[in-house]
């Protein structure tokens, strides 16, 4: 996949550019109910419910926790 990231003045990623052909292929997969196994669909639904309920962590929070837990 040949995606391109757009960054701000601090170098933080703020957007992504995906070629239209790849975007349409991704959308097609999302619209195709057969693209996910029942287990994947169930986990995706659980993840969405956790997000909606506010029980998720940002990537930054996960990184900090992983670095804090390191034993080396």
PDB file of N, CA and C in Angstrom:
ATOM      1  N   UNK A   1       0.863  -1.174   0.000  1.00  0.00           N
ATOM      2  CA  UNK A   1       0.000   0.000   0.000  1.00  0.00           C
ATOM      3  C   UNK A   1       0.902   1.228   0.000  1.00  0.00           C
ATOM      4  N   UNK A   2       0.664   2.135  -0.886  1.00  0.00           N
ATOM      5  CA  UNK A   2       1.508   3.321  -1.007  1.00  0.00           C
ATOM      6  C   UNK A   2       0.810   4.543  -0.411  1.00  0.00           C
ATOM      7  N   UNK A   3       0.699   4.564   0.910  1.00  0.00           N
ATOM      8  CA  UNK A   3       0.064   5.694   1.580  1.00  0.00           C
ATOM      9  C   UNK A   3       1.114   6.748   1.905  1.00  0.00           C
ATOM     10  N   UNK A   4       0.664   7.971   2.071  1.00  0.00           N
ATOM     11  CA  UNK A   4       1.543   9.088   2.409  1.00  0.00           C
ATOM     12  C   UNK A   4       0.953   9.809   3.612  1.00  0.00           C
ATOM     13  N   UNK A   5       1.826  10.158   4.548  1.00  0.00           N
ATOM     14  CA  UNK A   5       1.386  10.868   5.740  1.00  0.00           C
ATOM     15  C   UNK A   5       1.625  12.363   5.587  1.00  0.00           C
ATOM     16  N   UNK A   6       0.702  13.142   6.119  1.00  0.00           N
ATOM     17  CA  UNK A   6       0.827  14.588   6.166  1.00  0.00           C
ATOM     18  C   UNK A   6       1.156  14.929   7.619  1.00  0.00           C
ATOM     19  N   UNK A   7       2.184  15.740   7.822  1.00  0.00           N
ATOM     20  CA  UNK A   7       2.599  16.095   9.180  1.00  0.00           C
ATOM     21  C   UNK A   7       2.468  17.594   9.408  1.00  0.00           C
ATOM     22  N   UNK A   8       2.373  17.951  10.685  1.00  0.00           N
ATOM     23  CA  UNK A   8       2.340  19.369  11.038  1.00  0.00           C
ATOM     24  C   UNK A   8       3.766  19.879  11.243  1.00  0.00           C
ATOM     25  N   UNK A   9       3.894  21.110  11.733  1.00  0.00           N
ATOM     26  CA  UNK A   9       5.203  21.729  11.916  1.00  0.00           C
ATOM     27  C   UNK A   9       6.080  20.970  12.909  1.00  0.00           C
ATOM     28  N   UNK A  10       5.466  20.259  13.846  1.00  0.00           N
ATOM     29  CA  UNK A  10       6.215  19.499  14.845  1.00  0.00           C
ATOM     30  C   UNK A  10       6.532  18.077  14.379  1.00  0.00           C
ATOM     31  N   UNK A  11       6.114  17.740  13.179  1.00  0.00           N
ATOM     32  CA  UNK A  11       6.367  16.401  12.661  1.00  0.00           C
ATOM     33  C   UNK A  11       5.319  15.375  13.064  1.00  0.00           C
ATOM     34  N   UNK A  12       4.238  15.803  13.713  1.00  0.00           N
ATOM     35  CA  UNK A  12       3.163  14.900  14.123  1.00  0.00           C
ATOM     36  C   UNK A  12       2.276  14.582  12.920  1.00  0.00           C
ATOM     37  N   UNK A  13       1.929  13.310  12.757  1.00  0.00           N
ATOM     38  CA  UNK A  13       1.049  12.916  11.661  1.00  0.00           C
ATOM     39  C   UNK A  13      -0.352  13.475  11.921  1.00  0.00           C
ATOM     40  N   UNK A  14      -0.902  14.149  10.920  1.00  0.00           N
ATOM     41  CA  UNK A  14      -2.234  14.736  11.080  1.00  0.00           C
ATOM     42  C   UNK A  14      -3.224  14.254  10.027  1.00  0.00           C
ATOM     43  N   UNK A  15      -2.715  13.608   8.975  1.00  0.00           N
ATOM     44  CA  UNK A  15      -3.598  13.119   7.915  1.00  0.00           C
ATOM     45  C   UNK A  15      -2.855  12.050   7.134  1.00  0.00           C
ATOM     46  N   UNK A  16      -3.608  11.336   6.324  1.00  0.00           N
ATOM     47  CA  UNK A  16      -3.021  10.312   5.477  1.00  0.00           C
ATOM     48  C   UNK A  16      -3.646  10.393   4.094  1.00  0.00           C
ATOM     49  N   UNK A  17      -2.841  10.174   3.075  1.00  0.00           N
ATOM     50  CA  UNK A  17      -3.313  10.173   1.694  1.00  0.00           C
ATOM     51  C   UNK A  17      -3.210   8.740   1.186  1.00  0.00           C
ATOM     52  N   UNK A  18      -4.332   8.199   0.760  1.00  0.00           N
ATOM     53  CA  UNK A  18      -4.395   6.830   0.245  1.00  0.00           C
ATOM     54  C   UNK A  18      -4.833   6.907  -1.210  1.00  0.00           C
ATOM     55  N   UNK A  19      -4.101   6.259  -2.117  1.00  0.00           N
ATOM     56  CA  UNK A  19      -4.528   6.272  -3.521  1.00  0.00           C
ATOM     57  C   UNK A  19      -5.972   5.779  -3.645  1.00  0.00           C
ATOM     58  N   UNK A  20      -6.740   6.421  -4.510  1.00  0.00           N
ATOM     59  CA  UNK A  20      -8.173   6.146  -4.625  1.00  0.00           C
ATOM     60  C   UNK A  20      -8.462   4.676  -4.923  1.00  0.00           C
ATOM     61  N   UNK A  21      -7.637   4.041  -5.726  1.00  0.00           N
ATOM     62  CA  UNK A  21      -7.867   2.634  -6.049  1.00  0.00           C
ATOM     63  C   UNK A  21      -7.742   1.763  -4.798  1.00  0.00           C
ATOM     64  N   UNK A  22      -6.753   2.057  -3.968  1.00  0.00           N
ATOM     65  CA  UNK A  22      -6.588   1.305  -2.728  1.00  0.00           C
ATOM     66  C   UNK A  22      -7.708   1.625  -1.746  1.00  0.00           C
ATOM     67  N   UNK A  23      -8.127   2.885  -1.684  1.00  0.00           N
ATOM     68  CA  UNK A  23      -9.221   3.283  -0.802  1.00  0.00           C
ATOM     69  C   UNK A  23     -10.515   2.547  -1.169  1.00  0.00           C
ATOM     70  N   UNK A  24     -10.809   2.499  -2.462  1.00  0.00           N
ATOM     71  CA  UNK A  24     -12.023   1.811  -2.903  1.00  0.00           C
ATOM     72  C   UNK A  24     -11.956   0.318  -2.594  1.00  0.00           C
ATOM     73  N   UNK A  25     -10.772  -0.279  -2.711  1.00  0.00           N
ATOM     74  CA  UNK A  25     -10.612  -1.693  -2.366  1.00  0.00           C
ATOM     75  C   UNK A  25     -10.855  -1.910  -0.875  1.00  0.00           C
ATOM     76  N   UNK A  26     -10.339  -1.001  -0.049  1.00  0.00           N
ATOM     77  CA  UNK A  26     -10.569  -1.105   1.397  1.00  0.00           C
ATOM     78  C   UNK A  26     -12.048  -0.957   1.729  1.00  0.00           C
ATOM     79  N   UNK A  27     -12.700   0.010   1.100  1.00  0.00           N
ATOM     80  CA  UNK A  27     -14.132   0.192   1.337  1.00  0.00           C
ATOM     81  C   UNK A  27     -14.917  -1.048   0.916  1.00  0.00           C
ATOM     82  N   UNK A  28     -14.521  -1.630  -0.188  1.00  0.00           N
ATOM     83  CA  UNK A  28     -15.191  -2.846  -0.646  1.00  0.00           C
ATOM     84  C   UNK A  28     -15.072  -3.973   0.370  1.00  0.00           C
ATOM     85  N   UNK A  29     -13.895  -4.120   0.967  1.00  0.00           N
ATOM     86  CA  UNK A  29     -13.707  -5.150   2.002  1.00  0.00           C
ATOM     87  C   UNK A  29     -14.577  -4.876   3.215  1.00  0.00           C
ATOM     88  N   UNK A  30     -14.682  -3.601   3.603  1.00  0.00           N
ATOM     89  CA  UNK A  30     -15.484  -3.260   4.775  1.00  0.00           C
ATOM     90  C   UNK A  30     -16.966  -3.517   4.536  1.00  0.00           C
ATOM     91  N   UNK A  31     -17.405  -3.299   3.311  1.00  0.00           N
ATOM     92  CA  UNK A  31     -18.822  -3.489   3.000  1.00  0.00           C
ATOM     93  C   UNK A  31     -19.179  -4.955   2.791  1.00  0.00           C
ATOM     94  N   UNK A  32     -18.186  -5.795   2.576  1.00  0.00           N
ATOM     95  CA  UNK A  32     -18.404  -7.223   2.338  1.00  0.00           C
ATOM     96  C   UNK A  32     -18.451  -7.955   3.674  1.00  0.00           C
ATOM     97  N   UNK A  33     -19.636  -8.379   4.073  1.00  0.00           N
ATOM     98  CA  UNK A  33     -19.788  -9.051   5.366  1.00  0.00           C
ATOM     99  C   UNK A  33     -18.946 -10.310   5.478  1.00  0.00           C
ATOM    100  N   UNK A  34     -18.600 -10.928   4.352  1.00  0.00           N
ATOM    101  CA  UNK A  34     -17.831 -12.168   4.382  1.00  0.00           C
ATOM    102  C   UNK A  34     -16.339 -11.939   4.619  1.00  0.00           C
ATOM    103  N   UNK A  35     -15.889 -10.678   4.637  1.00  0.00           N
ATOM    104  CA  UNK A  35     -14.459 -10.419   4.786  1.00  0.00           C
ATOM    105  C   UNK A  35     -13.984 -10.662   6.210  1.00  0.00           C
ATOM    106  N   UNK A  36     -14.879 -10.682   7.190  1.00  0.00           N
ATOM    107  CA  UNK A  36     -14.511 -10.955   8.575  1.00  0.00           C
ATOM    108  C   UNK A  36     -15.099 -12.280   9.023  1.00  0.00           C
ATOM    109  N   UNK A  37     -14.297 -13.019   9.756  1.00  0.00           N
ATOM    110  CA  UNK A  37     -14.827 -14.246  10.344  1.00  0.00           C
ATOM    111  C   UNK A  37     -15.779 -13.841  11.466  1.00  0.00           C
ATOM    112  N   UNK A  38     -16.630 -14.749  11.928  1.00  0.00           N
ATOM    113  CA  UNK A  38     -17.521 -14.405  13.045  1.00  0.00           C
ATOM    114  C   UNK A  38     -16.751 -13.949  14.285  1.00  0.00           C
ATOM    115  N   UNK A  39     -15.599 -14.570  14.525  1.00  0.00           N
ATOM    116  CA  UNK A  39     -14.785 -14.186  15.679  1.00  0.00           C
ATOM    117  C   UNK A  39     -14.231 -12.774  15.516  1.00  0.00           C
ATOM    118  N   UNK A  40     -13.754 -12.449  14.293  1.00  0.00           N
ATOM    119  CA  UNK A  40     -13.236 -11.109  14.028  1.00  0.00           C
ATOM    120  C   UNK A  40     -14.338 -10.061  14.149  1.00  0.00           C
ATOM    121  N   UNK A  41     -15.514 -10.372  13.634  1.00  0.00           N
ATOM    122  CA  UNK A  41     -16.634  -9.443  13.706  1.00  0.00           C
ATOM    123  C   UNK A  41     -17.044  -9.210  15.158  1.00  0.00           C
ATOM    124  N   UNK A  42     -17.042 -10.270  15.949  1.00  0.00           N
ATOM    125  CA  UNK A  42     -17.390 -10.158  17.358  1.00  0.00           C
ATOM    126  C   UNK A  42     -16.375  -9.292  18.098  1.00  0.00           C
ATOM    127  N   UNK A  43     -15.093  -9.537  17.842  1.00  0.00           N
ATOM    128  CA  UNK A  43     -14.041  -8.746  18.501  1.00  0.00           C
ATOM    129  C   UNK A  43     -14.097  -7.288  18.061  1.00  0.00           C
ATOM    130  N   UNK A  44     -14.374  -7.040  16.793  1.00  0.00           N
ATOM    131  CA  UNK A  44     -14.502  -5.670  16.306  1.00  0.00           C
ATOM    132  C   UNK A  44     -15.660  -4.959  17.014  1.00  0.00           C
ATOM    133  N   UNK A  45     -16.777  -5.661  17.192  1.00  0.00           N
ATOM    134  CA  UNK A  45     -17.919  -5.081  17.885  1.00  0.00           C
ATOM    135  C   UNK A  45     -17.577  -4.802  19.349  1.00  0.00           C
ATOM    136  N   UNK A  46     -16.888  -5.737  20.002  1.00  0.00           N
ATOM    137  CA  UNK A  46     -16.472  -5.526  21.392  1.00  0.00           C
ATOM    138  C   UNK A  46     -15.551  -4.315  21.502  1.00  0.00           C
ATOM    139  N   UNK A  47     -14.616  -4.201  20.567  1.00  0.00           N
ATOM    140  CA  UNK A  47     -13.684  -3.066  20.579  1.00  0.00           C
ATOM    141  C   UNK A  47     -14.434  -1.757  20.409  1.00  0.00           C
ATOM    142  N   UNK A  48     -15.390  -1.730  19.506  1.00  0.00           N
ATOM    143  CA  UNK A  48     -16.175  -0.520  19.291  1.00  0.00           C
ATOM    144  C   UNK A  48     -16.935  -0.146  20.561  1.00  0.00           C
ATOM    145  N   UNK A  49     -17.531  -1.130  21.208  1.00  0.00           N
ATOM    146  CA  UNK A  49     -18.281  -0.851  22.438  1.00  0.00           C
ATOM    147  C   UNK A  49     -17.353  -0.317  23.535  1.00  0.00           C
ATOM    148  N   UNK A  50     -16.138  -0.851  23.640  1.00  0.00           N
ATOM    149  CA  UNK A  50     -15.161  -0.345  24.610  1.00  0.00           C
ATOM    150  C   UNK A  50     -14.816   1.109  24.302  1.00  0.00           C
ATOM    151  N   UNK A  51     -14.637   1.418  23.022  1.00  0.00           N
ATOM    152  CA  UNK A  51     -14.332   2.794  22.610  1.00  0.00           C
ATOM    153  C   UNK A  51     -15.476   3.736  22.975  1.00  0.00           C
ATOM    154  N   UNK A  52     -16.689   3.350  22.632  1.00  0.00           N
ATOM    155  CA  UNK A  52     -17.858   4.189  22.896  1.00  0.00           C
ATOM    156  C   UNK A  52     -18.014   4.429  24.396  1.00  0.00           C
ATOM    157  N   UNK A  53     -17.709   3.419  25.213  1.00  0.00           N
ATOM    158  CA  UNK A  53     -17.843   3.534  26.666  1.00  0.00           C
ATOM    159  C   UNK A  53     -16.664   4.273  27.300  1.00  0.00           C
ATOM    160  N   UNK A  54     -15.660   4.635  26.501  1.00  0.00           N
ATOM    161  CA  UNK A  54     -14.513   5.358  27.038  1.00  0.00           C
ATOM    162  C   UNK A  54     -13.511   4.474  27.756  1.00  0.00           C
ATOM    163  N   UNK A  55     -13.523   3.179  27.467  1.00  0.00           N
ATOM    164  CA  UNK A  55     -12.604   2.254  28.133  1.00  0.00           C
ATOM    165  C   UNK A  55     -11.403   1.901  27.260  1.00  0.00           C
ATOM    166  N   UNK A  56     -10.918   2.859  26.500  1.00  0.00           N
ATOM    167  CA  UNK A  56      -9.759   2.618  25.651  1.00  0.00           C
ATOM    168  C   UNK A  56      -8.634   3.549  26.065  1.00  0.00           C
ATOM    169  N   UNK A  57      -7.414   3.234  25.580  1.00  0.00           N
ATOM    170  CA  UNK A  57      -6.257   4.076  25.856  1.00  0.00           C
ATOM    171  C   UNK A  57      -5.683   4.549  24.531  1.00  0.00           C
ATOM    172  N   UNK A  58      -5.052   5.698  24.571  1.00  0.00           N
ATOM    173  CA  UNK A  58      -4.409   6.208  23.374  1.00  0.00           C
ATOM    174  C   UNK A  58      -3.116   5.433  23.135  1.00  0.00           C
ATOM    175  N   UNK A  59      -2.588   5.523  21.921  1.00  0.00           N
ATOM    176  CA  UNK A  59      -1.319   4.878  21.608  1.00  0.00           C
ATOM    177  C   UNK A  59      -0.220   5.399  22.522  1.00  0.00           C
ATOM    178  N   UNK A  60      -0.231   6.672  22.807  1.00  0.00           N
ATOM    179  CA  UNK A  60       0.763   7.272  23.696  1.00  0.00           C
ATOM    180  C   UNK A  60       0.690   6.647  25.088  1.00  0.00           C
ATOM    181  N   UNK A  61      -0.498   6.439  25.602  1.00  0.00           N
ATOM    182  CA  UNK A  61      -0.665   5.812  26.915  1.00  0.00           C
ATOM    183  C   UNK A  61      -0.151   4.383  26.918  1.00  0.00           C
ATOM    184  N   UNK A  62      -0.411   3.648  25.848  1.00  0.00           N
ATOM    185  CA  UNK A  62       0.052   2.264  25.747  1.00  0.00           C
ATOM    186  C   UNK A  62       1.575   2.225  25.707  1.00  0.00           C
ATOM    187  N   UNK A  63       2.176   3.105  24.914  1.00  0.00           N
ATOM    188  CA  UNK A  63       3.639   3.153  24.830  1.00  0.00           C
ATOM    189  C   UNK A  63       4.252   3.436  26.191  1.00  0.00           C
ATOM    190  N   UNK A  64       3.717   4.417  26.909  1.00  0.00           N
ATOM    191  CA  UNK A  64       4.244   4.750  28.229  1.00  0.00           C
ATOM    192  C   UNK A  64       4.130   3.562  29.177  1.00  0.00           C
ATOM    193  N   UNK A  65       3.000   2.879  29.148  1.00  0.00           N
ATOM    194  CA  UNK A  65       2.817   1.720  30.025  1.00  0.00           C
ATOM    195  C   UNK A  65       3.816   0.606  29.682  1.00  0.00           C
ATOM    196  N   UNK A  66       4.013   0.359  28.398  1.00  0.00           N
ATOM    197  CA  UNK A  66       4.953  -0.683  27.987  1.00  0.00           C
ATOM    198  C   UNK A  66       6.377  -0.332  28.381  1.00  0.00           C
ATOM    199  N   UNK A  67       6.770   0.917  28.231  1.00  0.00           N
ATOM    200  CA  UNK A  67       8.111   1.340  28.610  1.00  0.00           C
ATOM    201  C   UNK A  67       8.299   1.253  30.120  1.00  0.00           C
ATOM    202  N   UNK A  68       7.269   1.590  30.859  1.00  0.00           N
ATOM    203  CA  UNK A  68       7.322   1.545  32.324  1.00  0.00           C
ATOM    204  C   UNK A  68       7.477   0.110  32.821  1.00  0.00           C
ATOM    205  N   UNK A  69       6.855  -0.842  32.133  1.00  0.00           N
ATOM    206  CA  UNK A  69       6.858  -2.243  32.559  1.00  0.00           C
ATOM    207  C   UNK A  69       8.093  -3.009  32.116  1.00  0.00           C
ATOM    208  N   UNK A  70       8.968  -2.403  31.321  1.00  0.00           N
ATOM    209  CA  UNK A  70      10.160  -3.103  30.835  1.00  0.00           C
ATOM    210  C   UNK A  70      11.038  -3.544  31.992  1.00  0.00           C
ATOM    211  N   UNK A  71      11.672  -4.701  31.822  1.00  0.00           N
ATOM    212  CA  UNK A  71      12.529  -5.243  32.873  1.00  0.00           C
ATOM    213  C   UNK A  71      14.019  -5.173  32.526  1.00  0.00           C
ATOM    214  N   UNK A  72      14.384  -4.570  31.405  1.00  0.00           N
ATOM    215  CA  UNK A  72      15.803  -4.561  31.015  1.00  0.00           C
ATOM    216  C   UNK A  72      16.536  -3.320  31.446  1.00  0.00           C
TER     217      UNK A  72
END
